[in-house]
């Protein structure tokens, strides 16, 4: 099939006339590559994807640092290819996207780290830190 996807057709179909083409396979591989070392246990425990202006990231990073976890922050353009692919992959458009060992654990919808994310981070054993 056609690998080209329109960000706004897939992301918010009402904006299709403003669509930007991107290669879904390439963007998906870039996300997988960014998560691979974490998934294998050879990279950071937590990988956070967010645009550079996402205010919620600082709350998440504060919790991660308090727990002594390794992390990596990956930036993307809001309403850009990576944001669209993460939305399609996770079923949610709110950022940040927080992955632990390659699996999405959620994000935040407020300025405080969500309870779900806190519980997941709390459950990590000392060996996973």
N, C-alpha and C. Protein backbone atom coordinates (compact mmCIF):
# COMPACT_ATOMS: atom_id res chain seq x y z
N UNK A 1 0.81 -1.19 0.00
CA UNK A 1 0.00 0.00 0.00
C UNK A 1 0.85 1.24 0.00
N UNK A 2 0.20 2.34 -0.10
CA UNK A 2 0.86 3.63 -0.10
C UNK A 2 1.33 3.96 1.31
N UNK A 3 2.63 4.20 1.48
CA UNK A 3 3.21 4.51 2.78
C UNK A 3 3.07 5.98 3.15
N UNK A 4 2.70 6.82 2.18
CA UNK A 4 2.57 8.24 2.47
C UNK A 4 1.28 8.49 3.26
N UNK A 5 1.39 9.29 4.28
CA UNK A 5 0.23 9.61 5.10
C UNK A 5 0.18 11.12 5.28
N UNK A 6 -0.99 11.65 5.37
CA UNK A 6 -1.16 13.06 5.66
C UNK A 6 -1.31 13.21 7.16
N UNK A 7 -0.52 14.07 7.76
CA UNK A 7 -0.60 14.28 9.21
C UNK A 7 -2.02 14.63 9.60
N UNK A 8 -2.60 15.59 8.94
CA UNK A 8 -3.91 16.05 9.36
C UNK A 8 -5.03 15.11 8.92
N UNK A 9 -4.83 14.35 7.87
CA UNK A 9 -5.82 13.35 7.51
C UNK A 9 -5.87 12.28 8.58
N UNK A 10 -4.70 11.83 9.04
CA UNK A 10 -4.65 10.80 10.07
C UNK A 10 -4.83 11.37 11.46
N UNK A 11 -4.36 12.55 11.68
CA UNK A 11 -4.30 13.12 13.02
C UNK A 11 -5.58 13.88 13.34
N UNK A 12 -5.94 14.80 12.53
CA UNK A 12 -7.21 15.53 12.67
C UNK A 12 -7.76 15.73 11.26
N UNK A 13 -8.64 14.86 10.84
CA UNK A 13 -9.11 14.85 9.45
C UNK A 13 -9.75 16.16 9.02
N UNK A 14 -10.26 16.94 9.93
CA UNK A 14 -10.91 18.19 9.54
C UNK A 14 -9.92 19.20 8.95
N UNK A 15 -8.61 19.00 9.17
CA UNK A 15 -7.61 19.91 8.64
C UNK A 15 -6.92 19.36 7.40
N UNK A 16 -7.54 18.43 6.71
CA UNK A 16 -6.89 17.75 5.58
C UNK A 16 -6.38 18.71 4.51
N UNK A 17 -7.06 19.81 4.33
CA UNK A 17 -6.60 20.75 3.31
C UNK A 17 -5.25 21.37 3.65
N UNK A 18 -4.85 21.31 4.91
CA UNK A 18 -3.54 21.82 5.34
C UNK A 18 -2.52 20.71 5.53
N UNK A 19 -2.80 19.55 4.96
CA UNK A 19 -2.00 18.37 5.25
C UNK A 19 -0.54 18.50 4.81
N UNK A 20 0.30 17.78 5.53
CA UNK A 20 1.72 17.68 5.24
C UNK A 20 1.99 16.20 5.05
N UNK A 21 2.63 15.84 3.97
CA UNK A 21 2.91 14.43 3.71
C UNK A 21 4.13 13.98 4.50
N UNK A 22 4.10 12.74 4.96
CA UNK A 22 5.26 12.15 5.60
C UNK A 22 5.24 10.65 5.35
N UNK A 23 6.39 10.04 5.47
CA UNK A 23 6.51 8.61 5.27
C UNK A 23 6.32 7.92 6.62
N UNK A 24 5.17 7.30 6.79
CA UNK A 24 4.83 6.70 8.07
C UNK A 24 5.86 5.65 8.49
N UNK A 25 6.31 4.85 7.56
CA UNK A 25 7.28 3.80 7.88
C UNK A 25 8.57 4.39 8.45
N UNK A 26 9.06 5.45 7.83
CA UNK A 26 10.30 6.09 8.30
C UNK A 26 10.13 6.68 9.69
N UNK A 27 9.05 7.39 9.92
CA UNK A 27 8.81 8.02 11.22
C UNK A 27 8.61 6.95 12.29
N UNK A 28 7.89 5.89 11.96
CA UNK A 28 7.67 4.80 12.91
C UNK A 28 8.99 4.13 13.29
N UNK A 29 9.85 3.92 12.30
CA UNK A 29 11.17 3.33 12.58
C UNK A 29 12.01 4.24 13.46
N UNK A 30 11.91 5.56 13.25
CA UNK A 30 12.66 6.50 14.09
C UNK A 30 12.20 6.40 15.55
N UNK A 31 10.90 6.26 15.77
CA UNK A 31 10.37 6.11 17.12
C UNK A 31 10.85 4.79 17.71
N UNK A 32 10.76 3.71 16.94
CA UNK A 32 11.22 2.39 17.41
C UNK A 32 12.70 2.43 17.77
N UNK A 33 13.50 3.08 16.95
CA UNK A 33 14.94 3.20 17.22
C UNK A 33 15.19 3.96 18.51
N UNK A 34 14.42 5.03 18.73
CA UNK A 34 14.57 5.82 19.96
C UNK A 34 14.22 5.01 21.20
N UNK A 35 13.33 4.02 21.06
CA UNK A 35 12.89 3.21 22.20
C UNK A 35 13.67 1.91 22.37
N UNK A 36 14.41 1.49 21.37
CA UNK A 36 15.03 0.16 21.36
C UNK A 36 15.99 -0.09 22.53
N UNK A 37 16.91 0.82 22.80
CA UNK A 37 17.87 0.60 23.89
C UNK A 37 17.16 0.51 25.24
N UNK A 38 16.13 1.31 25.43
CA UNK A 38 15.35 1.25 26.66
C UNK A 38 14.64 -0.09 26.77
N UNK A 39 14.08 -0.53 25.67
CA UNK A 39 13.36 -1.82 25.63
C UNK A 39 14.30 -2.97 25.98
N UNK A 40 15.53 -2.93 25.47
CA UNK A 40 16.52 -3.99 25.71
C UNK A 40 17.13 -3.91 27.11
N UNK A 41 16.96 -2.77 27.78
CA UNK A 41 17.56 -2.60 29.09
C UNK A 41 18.97 -2.06 29.04
N UNK A 42 19.42 -1.62 27.86
CA UNK A 42 20.76 -1.08 27.71
C UNK A 42 20.77 0.44 27.61
N UNK A 43 19.60 1.03 27.66
CA UNK A 43 19.48 2.48 27.57
C UNK A 43 18.71 3.02 28.75
N UNK A 44 18.23 4.24 28.63
CA UNK A 44 17.50 4.83 29.75
C UNK A 44 16.22 4.05 30.07
N UNK A 45 15.86 4.02 31.34
CA UNK A 45 14.64 3.34 31.76
C UNK A 45 13.42 4.02 31.16
N UNK A 46 13.42 5.34 31.15
CA UNK A 46 12.27 6.12 30.71
C UNK A 46 12.65 6.95 29.48
N UNK A 47 11.78 6.95 28.48
CA UNK A 47 11.94 7.82 27.31
C UNK A 47 10.68 8.67 27.23
N UNK A 48 10.88 9.97 27.16
CA UNK A 48 9.77 10.92 27.11
C UNK A 48 9.80 11.62 25.75
N UNK A 49 8.68 11.60 25.05
CA UNK A 49 8.53 12.35 23.80
C UNK A 49 7.60 13.52 24.09
N UNK A 50 8.04 14.73 23.73
CA UNK A 50 7.21 15.91 23.92
C UNK A 50 7.77 17.05 23.09
N UNK A 51 6.90 18.00 22.76
CA UNK A 51 7.41 19.17 22.06
C UNK A 51 8.18 20.03 23.07
N UNK A 52 9.09 20.86 22.60
CA UNK A 52 9.96 21.62 23.50
C UNK A 52 9.23 22.54 24.48
N UNK A 53 7.99 22.87 24.20
CA UNK A 53 7.25 23.81 25.04
C UNK A 53 6.24 23.13 25.96
N UNK A 54 6.27 21.81 26.05
CA UNK A 54 5.34 21.06 26.88
C UNK A 54 5.65 21.32 28.36
N UNK A 55 4.73 21.97 29.06
CA UNK A 55 4.95 22.34 30.46
C UNK A 55 4.91 21.15 31.40
N UNK A 56 4.18 20.10 31.04
CA UNK A 56 4.03 18.94 31.92
C UNK A 56 5.31 18.13 32.07
N UNK A 57 6.24 18.26 31.13
CA UNK A 57 7.46 17.47 31.15
C UNK A 57 8.27 17.72 32.42
N UNK A 58 8.33 18.95 32.87
CA UNK A 58 9.14 19.24 34.05
C UNK A 58 8.64 18.49 35.28
N UNK A 59 7.32 18.34 35.44
CA UNK A 59 6.77 17.59 36.56
C UNK A 59 7.15 16.12 36.47
N UNK A 60 7.08 15.56 35.27
CA UNK A 60 7.43 14.16 35.06
C UNK A 60 8.91 13.94 35.35
N UNK A 61 9.76 14.82 34.84
CA UNK A 61 11.20 14.69 35.04
C UNK A 61 11.55 14.81 36.53
N UNK A 62 10.87 15.68 37.24
CA UNK A 62 11.11 15.82 38.68
C UNK A 62 10.83 14.49 39.39
N UNK A 63 9.73 13.84 39.07
CA UNK A 63 9.39 12.55 39.68
C UNK A 63 10.43 11.50 39.30
N UNK A 64 10.83 11.47 38.04
CA UNK A 64 11.83 10.50 37.57
C UNK A 64 13.15 10.69 38.31
N UNK A 65 13.59 11.92 38.44
CA UNK A 65 14.85 12.20 39.13
C UNK A 65 14.78 11.80 40.60
N UNK A 66 13.66 12.08 41.26
CA UNK A 66 13.50 11.71 42.67
C UNK A 66 13.60 10.20 42.86
N UNK A 67 13.17 9.45 41.86
CA UNK A 67 13.20 7.99 41.94
C UNK A 67 14.53 7.42 41.47
N UNK A 68 15.43 8.29 41.00
CA UNK A 68 16.75 7.84 40.58
C UNK A 68 16.74 7.06 39.28
N UNK A 69 15.76 7.31 38.44
CA UNK A 69 15.65 6.59 37.16
C UNK A 69 16.41 7.33 36.07
N UNK A 70 16.97 6.56 35.14
CA UNK A 70 17.61 7.18 33.97
C UNK A 70 16.51 7.52 32.97
N UNK A 71 16.70 8.61 32.23
CA UNK A 71 15.69 9.00 31.26
C UNK A 71 16.32 9.75 30.10
N UNK A 72 15.56 9.81 29.03
CA UNK A 72 15.94 10.58 27.85
C UNK A 72 14.71 11.34 27.39
N UNK A 73 14.89 12.61 27.09
CA UNK A 73 13.79 13.41 26.54
C UNK A 73 14.02 13.57 25.04
N UNK A 74 13.02 13.23 24.26
CA UNK A 74 13.08 13.38 22.81
C UNK A 74 12.07 14.45 22.41
N UNK A 75 12.52 15.46 21.71
CA UNK A 75 11.64 16.54 21.28
C UNK A 75 11.10 16.30 19.88
N UNK A 76 9.91 16.80 19.65
CA UNK A 76 9.30 16.76 18.33
C UNK A 76 8.48 18.02 18.12
N UNK A 77 8.12 18.28 16.88
CA UNK A 77 7.26 19.42 16.57
C UNK A 77 5.81 19.05 16.85
N UNK A 78 5.14 19.92 17.59
CA UNK A 78 3.72 19.68 17.84
C UNK A 78 2.98 19.69 16.51
N UNK A 79 2.10 18.74 16.35
CA UNK A 79 1.34 18.52 15.11
C UNK A 79 2.29 18.25 13.95
N UNK A 80 3.40 17.56 14.24
CA UNK A 80 4.35 17.14 13.22
C UNK A 80 4.28 15.63 13.04
N UNK A 81 5.10 15.07 12.18
CA UNK A 81 5.07 13.64 11.89
C UNK A 81 5.21 12.74 13.13
N UNK A 82 6.18 13.03 14.01
CA UNK A 82 6.37 12.18 15.19
C UNK A 82 5.15 12.27 16.11
N UNK A 83 4.60 13.47 16.28
CA UNK A 83 3.42 13.64 17.12
C UNK A 83 2.25 12.85 16.53
N UNK A 84 2.09 12.93 15.21
CA UNK A 84 1.01 12.19 14.56
C UNK A 84 1.19 10.68 14.75
N UNK A 85 2.40 10.20 14.55
CA UNK A 85 2.65 8.75 14.70
C UNK A 85 2.47 8.28 16.14
N UNK A 86 2.92 9.08 17.10
CA UNK A 86 2.72 8.72 18.50
C UNK A 86 1.24 8.71 18.85
N UNK A 87 0.49 9.63 18.28
CA UNK A 87 -0.96 9.65 18.50
C UNK A 87 -1.60 8.40 17.91
N UNK A 88 -1.21 8.05 16.69
CA UNK A 88 -1.76 6.84 16.07
C UNK A 88 -1.37 5.59 16.85
N UNK A 89 -0.15 5.54 17.33
CA UNK A 89 0.38 4.38 18.03
C UNK A 89 -0.27 4.20 19.41
N UNK A 90 -0.50 5.31 20.10
CA UNK A 90 -0.97 5.23 21.48
C UNK A 90 -2.47 5.48 21.64
N UNK A 91 -3.07 6.07 20.62
CA UNK A 91 -4.50 6.39 20.72
C UNK A 91 -4.77 7.64 21.54
N UNK A 92 -3.75 8.44 21.79
CA UNK A 92 -3.93 9.66 22.57
C UNK A 92 -3.09 10.78 21.96
N UNK A 93 -3.64 11.97 21.97
CA UNK A 93 -2.91 13.10 21.38
C UNK A 93 -2.23 13.97 22.41
N UNK A 94 -2.59 13.79 23.69
CA UNK A 94 -1.96 14.61 24.74
C UNK A 94 -0.53 14.17 24.98
N UNK A 95 0.31 15.13 25.19
CA UNK A 95 1.70 14.84 25.50
C UNK A 95 1.99 15.26 26.92
N UNK A 96 3.04 14.84 27.52
CA UNK A 96 4.11 14.04 26.94
C UNK A 96 3.72 12.58 26.82
N UNK A 97 4.45 11.87 25.96
CA UNK A 97 4.32 10.43 25.81
C UNK A 97 5.44 9.83 26.65
N UNK A 98 5.09 9.04 27.65
CA UNK A 98 6.08 8.50 28.58
C UNK A 98 6.15 6.99 28.39
N UNK A 99 7.35 6.52 28.03
CA UNK A 99 7.58 5.09 27.80
C UNK A 99 8.55 4.58 28.86
N UNK A 100 8.24 3.43 29.43
CA UNK A 100 9.15 2.75 30.35
C UNK A 100 9.51 1.43 29.71
N UNK A 101 10.82 1.24 29.49
CA UNK A 101 11.33 0.03 28.83
C UNK A 101 10.58 -0.26 27.53
N UNK A 102 10.28 0.80 26.79
CA UNK A 102 9.69 0.68 25.46
C UNK A 102 8.17 0.59 25.43
N UNK A 103 7.52 0.56 26.58
CA UNK A 103 6.05 0.48 26.62
C UNK A 103 5.48 1.79 27.13
N UNK A 104 4.42 2.24 26.46
CA UNK A 104 3.78 3.49 26.87
C UNK A 104 3.14 3.29 28.25
N UNK A 105 3.38 4.22 29.14
CA UNK A 105 2.75 4.16 30.46
C UNK A 105 1.80 5.33 30.66
N UNK A 106 1.75 6.23 29.72
CA UNK A 106 0.82 7.34 29.82
C UNK A 106 1.50 8.66 29.67
N UNK A 107 0.87 9.63 30.27
CA UNK A 107 1.36 10.99 30.21
C UNK A 107 0.60 11.79 31.23
N UNK A 108 0.50 13.05 31.01
CA UNK A 108 -0.21 13.90 31.95
C UNK A 108 -1.19 14.77 31.20
N UNK A 109 -2.28 15.06 31.84
CA UNK A 109 -3.26 15.97 31.25
C UNK A 109 -3.35 17.24 32.09
N UNK A 110 -2.55 17.30 33.14
CA UNK A 110 -2.53 18.47 33.99
C UNK A 110 -1.06 18.84 34.26
N UNK A 111 -0.86 19.77 35.14
CA UNK A 111 0.51 20.18 35.42
C UNK A 111 1.19 19.28 36.45
N UNK A 112 0.49 18.28 36.96
CA UNK A 112 1.09 17.35 37.90
C UNK A 112 1.23 15.99 37.24
N UNK A 113 2.28 15.28 37.62
CA UNK A 113 2.51 13.94 37.08
C UNK A 113 1.31 13.07 37.44
N UNK A 114 0.74 12.38 36.45
CA UNK A 114 -0.47 11.59 36.69
C UNK A 114 -0.21 10.45 37.67
N UNK A 115 -1.26 10.06 38.36
CA UNK A 115 -1.16 8.96 39.33
C UNK A 115 -0.74 7.67 38.64
N UNK A 116 -1.24 7.42 37.43
CA UNK A 116 -0.87 6.20 36.69
C UNK A 116 0.63 6.15 36.45
N UNK A 117 1.20 7.26 36.04
CA UNK A 117 2.64 7.31 35.77
C UNK A 117 3.41 7.13 37.08
N UNK A 118 2.97 7.80 38.14
CA UNK A 118 3.64 7.66 39.44
C UNK A 118 3.63 6.20 39.91
N UNK A 119 2.48 5.54 39.78
CA UNK A 119 2.38 4.14 40.20
C UNK A 119 3.32 3.26 39.40
N UNK A 120 3.39 3.49 38.10
CA UNK A 120 4.28 2.70 37.25
C UNK A 120 5.72 2.92 37.64
N UNK A 121 6.12 4.15 37.86
CA UNK A 121 7.49 4.46 38.25
C UNK A 121 7.80 3.89 39.63
N UNK A 122 6.83 3.94 40.53
CA UNK A 122 7.02 3.37 41.88
C UNK A 122 7.23 1.86 41.83
N UNK A 123 6.62 1.21 40.84
CA UNK A 123 6.68 -0.26 40.78
C UNK A 123 8.00 -0.80 40.23
N UNK A 124 8.83 0.08 39.68
CA UNK A 124 10.09 -0.38 39.11
C UNK A 124 11.03 -0.84 40.23
N UNK A 125 11.61 -1.99 40.03
CA UNK A 125 12.56 -2.51 41.03
C UNK A 125 13.87 -1.73 40.94
N UNK A 126 14.67 -1.88 41.97
CA UNK A 126 15.96 -1.19 42.00
C UNK A 126 16.82 -1.59 40.82
N UNK A 127 16.71 -2.82 40.34
CA UNK A 127 17.52 -3.27 39.21
C UNK A 127 17.12 -2.60 37.91
N UNK A 128 15.90 -2.09 37.83
CA UNK A 128 15.42 -1.43 36.62
C UNK A 128 15.79 0.05 36.60
N UNK A 129 16.31 0.54 37.67
CA UNK A 129 16.64 1.97 37.76
C UNK A 129 17.97 2.20 37.12
